[in-house]
Amino acid sequence: MIALLGWAGAGVLLAAYALVSAKRITGDGLVFQGLNMAGGAALALNSAVNGAWPSAVLNIIWVAIGAVAVFRLARRRARQTRPEYQGVLTR
């Protein structure tokens, strides 16, 4: 089961890269970051269970980078929906 999870994680990461390369999704979008976080988490778990600690740590960092990117995307979207960013006066 863990091996299958690892293979699925690798497939998800490759799919994310292929989709960006084919310009089907953007590299700074939520879909790309979500795919990277999911794939990285699956590979991190697979690597940890198999004692491949350098790979496990790499993938944990990969997930953390994706989480920071998602946080920044959410913060940017929240700012853009505020009235002062849409040219509407609040008072």
N, C-alpha and C. Protein backbone atom coordinates (compact mmCIF):
# COMPACT_ATOMS: atom_id res chain seq x y z
N MET A 1 0.82 -1.20 0.00
CA MET A 1 0.00 0.00 0.00
C MET A 1 0.86 1.26 0.00
N ILE A 2 1.93 1.26 0.80
CA ILE A 2 2.81 2.42 0.86
C ILE A 2 3.53 2.61 -0.48
N ALA A 3 3.91 1.51 -1.12
CA ALA A 3 4.56 1.63 -2.43
C ALA A 3 3.61 2.25 -3.44
N LEU A 4 2.35 1.84 -3.39
CA LEU A 4 1.35 2.40 -4.30
C LEU A 4 1.17 3.90 -4.05
N LEU A 5 1.18 4.29 -2.78
CA LEU A 5 1.09 5.71 -2.43
C LEU A 5 2.28 6.48 -2.99
N GLY A 6 3.46 5.90 -2.89
CA GLY A 6 4.66 6.54 -3.45
C GLY A 6 4.58 6.71 -4.95
N TRP A 7 4.12 5.67 -5.64
CA TRP A 7 3.97 5.76 -7.10
C TRP A 7 2.92 6.80 -7.47
N ALA A 8 1.83 6.85 -6.71
CA ALA A 8 0.79 7.85 -6.98
C ALA A 8 1.35 9.26 -6.77
N GLY A 9 2.13 9.45 -5.71
CA GLY A 9 2.74 10.75 -5.46
C GLY A 9 3.66 11.18 -6.59
N ALA A 10 4.46 10.23 -7.07
CA ALA A 10 5.36 10.54 -8.19
C ALA A 10 4.54 10.91 -9.43
N GLY A 11 3.46 10.18 -9.66
CA GLY A 11 2.60 10.48 -10.81
C GLY A 11 1.96 11.85 -10.71
N VAL A 12 1.53 12.23 -9.51
CA VAL A 12 0.92 13.54 -9.31
C VAL A 12 1.94 14.65 -9.57
N LEU A 13 3.16 14.48 -9.07
CA LEU A 13 4.19 15.49 -9.32
C LEU A 13 4.51 15.61 -10.80
N LEU A 14 4.61 14.48 -11.47
CA LEU A 14 4.86 14.52 -12.92
C LEU A 14 3.70 15.15 -13.68
N ALA A 15 2.48 14.87 -13.25
CA ALA A 15 1.31 15.47 -13.90
C ALA A 15 1.33 16.98 -13.72
N ALA A 16 1.66 17.45 -12.52
CA ALA A 16 1.73 18.89 -12.27
C ALA A 16 2.75 19.55 -13.19
N TYR A 17 3.91 18.93 -13.31
CA TYR A 17 4.96 19.47 -14.18
C TYR A 17 4.52 19.46 -15.64
N ALA A 18 3.90 18.36 -16.06
CA ALA A 18 3.44 18.26 -17.46
C ALA A 18 2.36 19.30 -17.75
N LEU A 19 1.45 19.51 -16.82
CA LEU A 19 0.38 20.49 -17.02
C LEU A 19 0.93 21.91 -17.12
N VAL A 20 1.90 22.24 -16.31
CA VAL A 20 2.52 23.57 -16.40
C VAL A 20 3.29 23.70 -17.70
N SER A 21 4.03 22.68 -18.05
CA SER A 21 4.82 22.71 -19.28
C SER A 21 3.93 22.84 -20.51
N ALA A 22 2.76 22.24 -20.46
CA ALA A 22 1.81 22.32 -21.58
C ALA A 22 0.93 23.56 -21.52
N LYS A 23 1.18 24.39 -20.51
CA LYS A 23 0.41 25.63 -20.30
C LYS A 23 -1.08 25.36 -20.07
N ARG A 24 -1.39 24.22 -19.45
CA ARG A 24 -2.77 23.89 -19.09
C ARG A 24 -3.14 24.50 -17.73
N ILE A 25 -2.12 24.69 -16.87
CA ILE A 25 -2.29 25.36 -15.59
C ILE A 25 -1.11 26.30 -15.42
N THR A 26 -1.23 27.25 -14.49
CA THR A 26 -0.12 28.17 -14.25
C THR A 26 0.73 27.68 -13.08
N GLY A 27 1.98 28.02 -13.14
CA GLY A 27 2.91 27.61 -12.09
C GLY A 27 2.72 28.33 -10.78
N ASP A 28 1.97 29.42 -10.79
CA ASP A 28 1.74 30.15 -9.55
C ASP A 28 0.29 30.03 -9.08
N GLY A 29 -0.41 29.01 -9.57
CA GLY A 29 -1.81 28.85 -9.22
C GLY A 29 -2.04 27.82 -8.13
N LEU A 30 -3.25 27.81 -7.62
CA LEU A 30 -3.64 26.92 -6.55
C LEU A 30 -3.61 25.45 -6.97
N VAL A 31 -4.00 25.16 -8.20
CA VAL A 31 -4.01 23.77 -8.67
C VAL A 31 -2.60 23.20 -8.68
N PHE A 32 -1.65 23.95 -9.23
CA PHE A 32 -0.27 23.49 -9.28
C PHE A 32 0.28 23.27 -7.88
N GLN A 33 0.04 24.23 -6.99
CA GLN A 33 0.55 24.10 -5.63
C GLN A 33 -0.10 22.93 -4.90
N GLY A 34 -1.40 22.74 -5.11
CA GLY A 34 -2.08 21.61 -4.48
C GLY A 34 -1.56 20.27 -4.96
N LEU A 35 -1.33 20.16 -6.27
CA LEU A 35 -0.77 18.92 -6.81
C LEU A 35 0.63 18.67 -6.25
N ASN A 36 1.44 19.71 -6.16
CA ASN A 36 2.78 19.55 -5.61
C ASN A 36 2.75 19.15 -4.14
N MET A 37 1.84 19.75 -3.38
CA MET A 37 1.76 19.39 -1.96
C MET A 37 1.28 17.95 -1.78
N ALA A 38 0.29 17.53 -2.55
CA ALA A 38 -0.23 16.17 -2.45
C ALA A 38 0.83 15.15 -2.86
N GLY A 39 1.46 15.40 -3.99
CA GLY A 39 2.50 14.48 -4.45
C GLY A 39 3.69 14.43 -3.50
N GLY A 40 4.10 15.59 -3.01
CA GLY A 40 5.22 15.64 -2.07
C GLY A 40 4.91 14.93 -0.77
N ALA A 41 3.68 15.10 -0.27
CA ALA A 41 3.29 14.43 0.98
C ALA A 41 3.29 12.91 0.81
N ALA A 42 2.78 12.44 -0.32
CA ALA A 42 2.76 10.99 -0.57
C ALA A 42 4.18 10.44 -0.67
N LEU A 43 5.04 11.15 -1.37
CA LEU A 43 6.43 10.69 -1.49
C LEU A 43 7.18 10.80 -0.17
N ALA A 44 6.88 11.81 0.63
CA ALA A 44 7.52 11.94 1.94
C ALA A 44 7.16 10.76 2.83
N LEU A 45 5.89 10.39 2.84
CA LEU A 45 5.46 9.25 3.65
C LEU A 45 6.10 7.97 3.16
N ASN A 46 6.09 7.76 1.86
CA ASN A 46 6.71 6.58 1.29
C ASN A 46 8.20 6.52 1.63
N SER A 47 8.87 7.64 1.50
CA SER A 47 10.31 7.69 1.78
C SER A 47 10.60 7.43 3.25
N ALA A 48 9.80 8.02 4.13
CA ALA A 48 10.01 7.84 5.57
C ALA A 48 9.81 6.38 5.98
N VAL A 49 8.75 5.77 5.48
CA VAL A 49 8.47 4.37 5.81
C VAL A 49 9.61 3.47 5.34
N ASN A 50 10.20 3.82 4.21
CA ASN A 50 11.29 3.01 3.66
C ASN A 50 12.68 3.45 4.15
N GLY A 51 12.73 4.40 5.06
CA GLY A 51 14.00 4.83 5.64
C GLY A 51 14.85 5.67 4.72
N ALA A 52 14.27 6.22 3.68
CA ALA A 52 15.01 7.09 2.75
C ALA A 52 14.88 8.52 3.25
N TRP A 53 15.60 8.82 4.32
CA TRP A 53 15.42 10.10 5.02
C TRP A 53 15.77 11.34 4.20
N PRO A 54 16.82 11.32 3.39
CA PRO A 54 17.07 12.52 2.57
C PRO A 54 15.88 12.85 1.66
N SER A 55 15.30 11.84 1.06
CA SER A 55 14.14 12.06 0.19
C SER A 55 12.92 12.49 1.00
N ALA A 56 12.75 11.90 2.18
CA ALA A 56 11.61 12.27 3.03
C ALA A 56 11.70 13.74 3.43
N VAL A 57 12.89 14.16 3.86
CA VAL A 57 13.07 15.56 4.28
C VAL A 57 12.88 16.49 3.09
N LEU A 58 13.44 16.13 1.95
CA LEU A 58 13.27 16.94 0.74
C LEU A 58 11.79 17.15 0.45
N ASN A 59 11.01 16.08 0.51
CA ASN A 59 9.59 16.19 0.19
C ASN A 59 8.79 16.92 1.26
N ILE A 60 9.20 16.84 2.50
CA ILE A 60 8.55 17.63 3.56
C ILE A 60 8.79 19.12 3.29
N ILE A 61 10.01 19.46 2.90
CA ILE A 61 10.32 20.85 2.56
C ILE A 61 9.52 21.27 1.32
N TRP A 62 9.39 20.38 0.35
CA TRP A 62 8.60 20.62 -0.87
C TRP A 62 7.17 20.98 -0.50
N VAL A 63 6.58 20.21 0.43
CA VAL A 63 5.21 20.47 0.88
C VAL A 63 5.14 21.82 1.61
N ALA A 64 6.14 22.11 2.43
CA ALA A 64 6.16 23.39 3.17
C ALA A 64 6.23 24.58 2.21
N ILE A 65 7.04 24.46 1.17
CA ILE A 65 7.12 25.53 0.17
C ILE A 65 5.76 25.73 -0.49
N GLY A 66 5.09 24.63 -0.82
CA GLY A 66 3.75 24.72 -1.41
C GLY A 66 2.76 25.36 -0.45
N ALA A 67 2.86 25.03 0.83
CA ALA A 67 1.94 25.61 1.83
C ALA A 67 2.14 27.12 1.94
N VAL A 68 3.39 27.56 1.92
CA VAL A 68 3.66 29.00 1.95
C VAL A 68 3.09 29.67 0.71
N ALA A 69 3.25 29.04 -0.44
CA ALA A 69 2.72 29.61 -1.69
C ALA A 69 1.19 29.70 -1.63
N VAL A 70 0.53 28.67 -1.10
CA VAL A 70 -0.93 28.69 -0.99
C VAL A 70 -1.37 29.79 -0.02
N PHE A 71 -0.66 29.94 1.08
CA PHE A 71 -0.96 31.01 2.03
C PHE A 71 -0.86 32.37 1.35
N ARG A 72 0.20 32.58 0.60
CA ARG A 72 0.38 33.86 -0.10
C ARG A 72 -0.70 34.08 -1.16
N LEU A 73 -1.08 33.03 -1.87
CA LEU A 73 -2.17 33.15 -2.85
C LEU A 73 -3.47 33.55 -2.16
N ALA A 74 -3.76 32.91 -1.04
CA ALA A 74 -4.99 33.22 -0.30
C ALA A 74 -4.97 34.65 0.21
N ARG A 75 -3.83 35.09 0.70
CA ARG A 75 -3.71 36.46 1.21
C ARG A 75 -3.88 37.46 0.08
N ARG A 76 -3.27 37.18 -1.07
CA ARG A 76 -3.40 38.08 -2.23
C ARG A 76 -4.85 38.15 -2.70
N ARG A 77 -5.52 37.02 -2.76
CA ARG A 77 -6.92 37.01 -3.18
C ARG A 77 -7.80 37.75 -2.19
N ALA A 78 -7.52 37.61 -0.92
CA ALA A 78 -8.31 38.32 0.09
C ALA A 78 -8.13 39.83 -0.06
N ARG A 79 -6.91 40.26 -0.33
CA ARG A 79 -6.66 41.69 -0.54
C ARG A 79 -7.39 42.20 -1.78
N GLN A 80 -7.38 41.42 -2.83
CA GLN A 80 -8.00 41.84 -4.09
C GLN A 80 -9.51 41.94 -3.98
N THR A 81 -10.12 41.24 -3.07
CA THR A 81 -11.57 41.30 -2.92
C THR A 81 -12.00 42.41 -1.97
N ARG A 82 -11.06 43.05 -1.29
CA ARG A 82 -11.41 44.16 -0.41
C ARG A 82 -11.78 45.38 -1.25
N PRO A 83 -12.77 46.15 -0.80
CA PRO A 83 -13.26 47.28 -1.59
C PRO A 83 -12.19 48.30 -1.97
N GLU A 84 -11.24 48.57 -1.09
CA GLU A 84 -10.23 49.58 -1.42
C GLU A 84 -9.33 49.18 -2.58
N TYR A 85 -9.30 47.89 -2.92
CA TYR A 85 -8.52 47.43 -4.06
C TYR A 85 -9.34 47.40 -5.34
N GLN A 86 -10.60 47.69 -5.24
CA GLN A 86 -11.48 47.67 -6.41
C GLN A 86 -11.92 49.07 -6.80
N GLY A 87 -11.29 50.07 -6.21
CA GLY A 87 -11.61 51.44 -6.56
C GLY A 87 -12.90 51.95 -5.93
N VAL A 88 -13.41 51.25 -4.94
CA VAL A 88 -14.63 51.65 -4.26
C VAL A 88 -14.24 52.27 -2.92
N LEU A 89 -14.78 53.44 -2.64
CA LEU A 89 -14.51 54.09 -1.36
C LEU A 89 -15.31 53.40 -0.27
N THR A 90 -14.65 53.19 0.88
CA THR A 90 -15.34 52.50 1.98
C THR A 90 -16.14 53.45 2.83
N ARG A 91 -15.88 54.76 2.77
CA ARG A 91 -16.64 55.74 3.58
C ARG A 91 -17.13 56.86 2.74
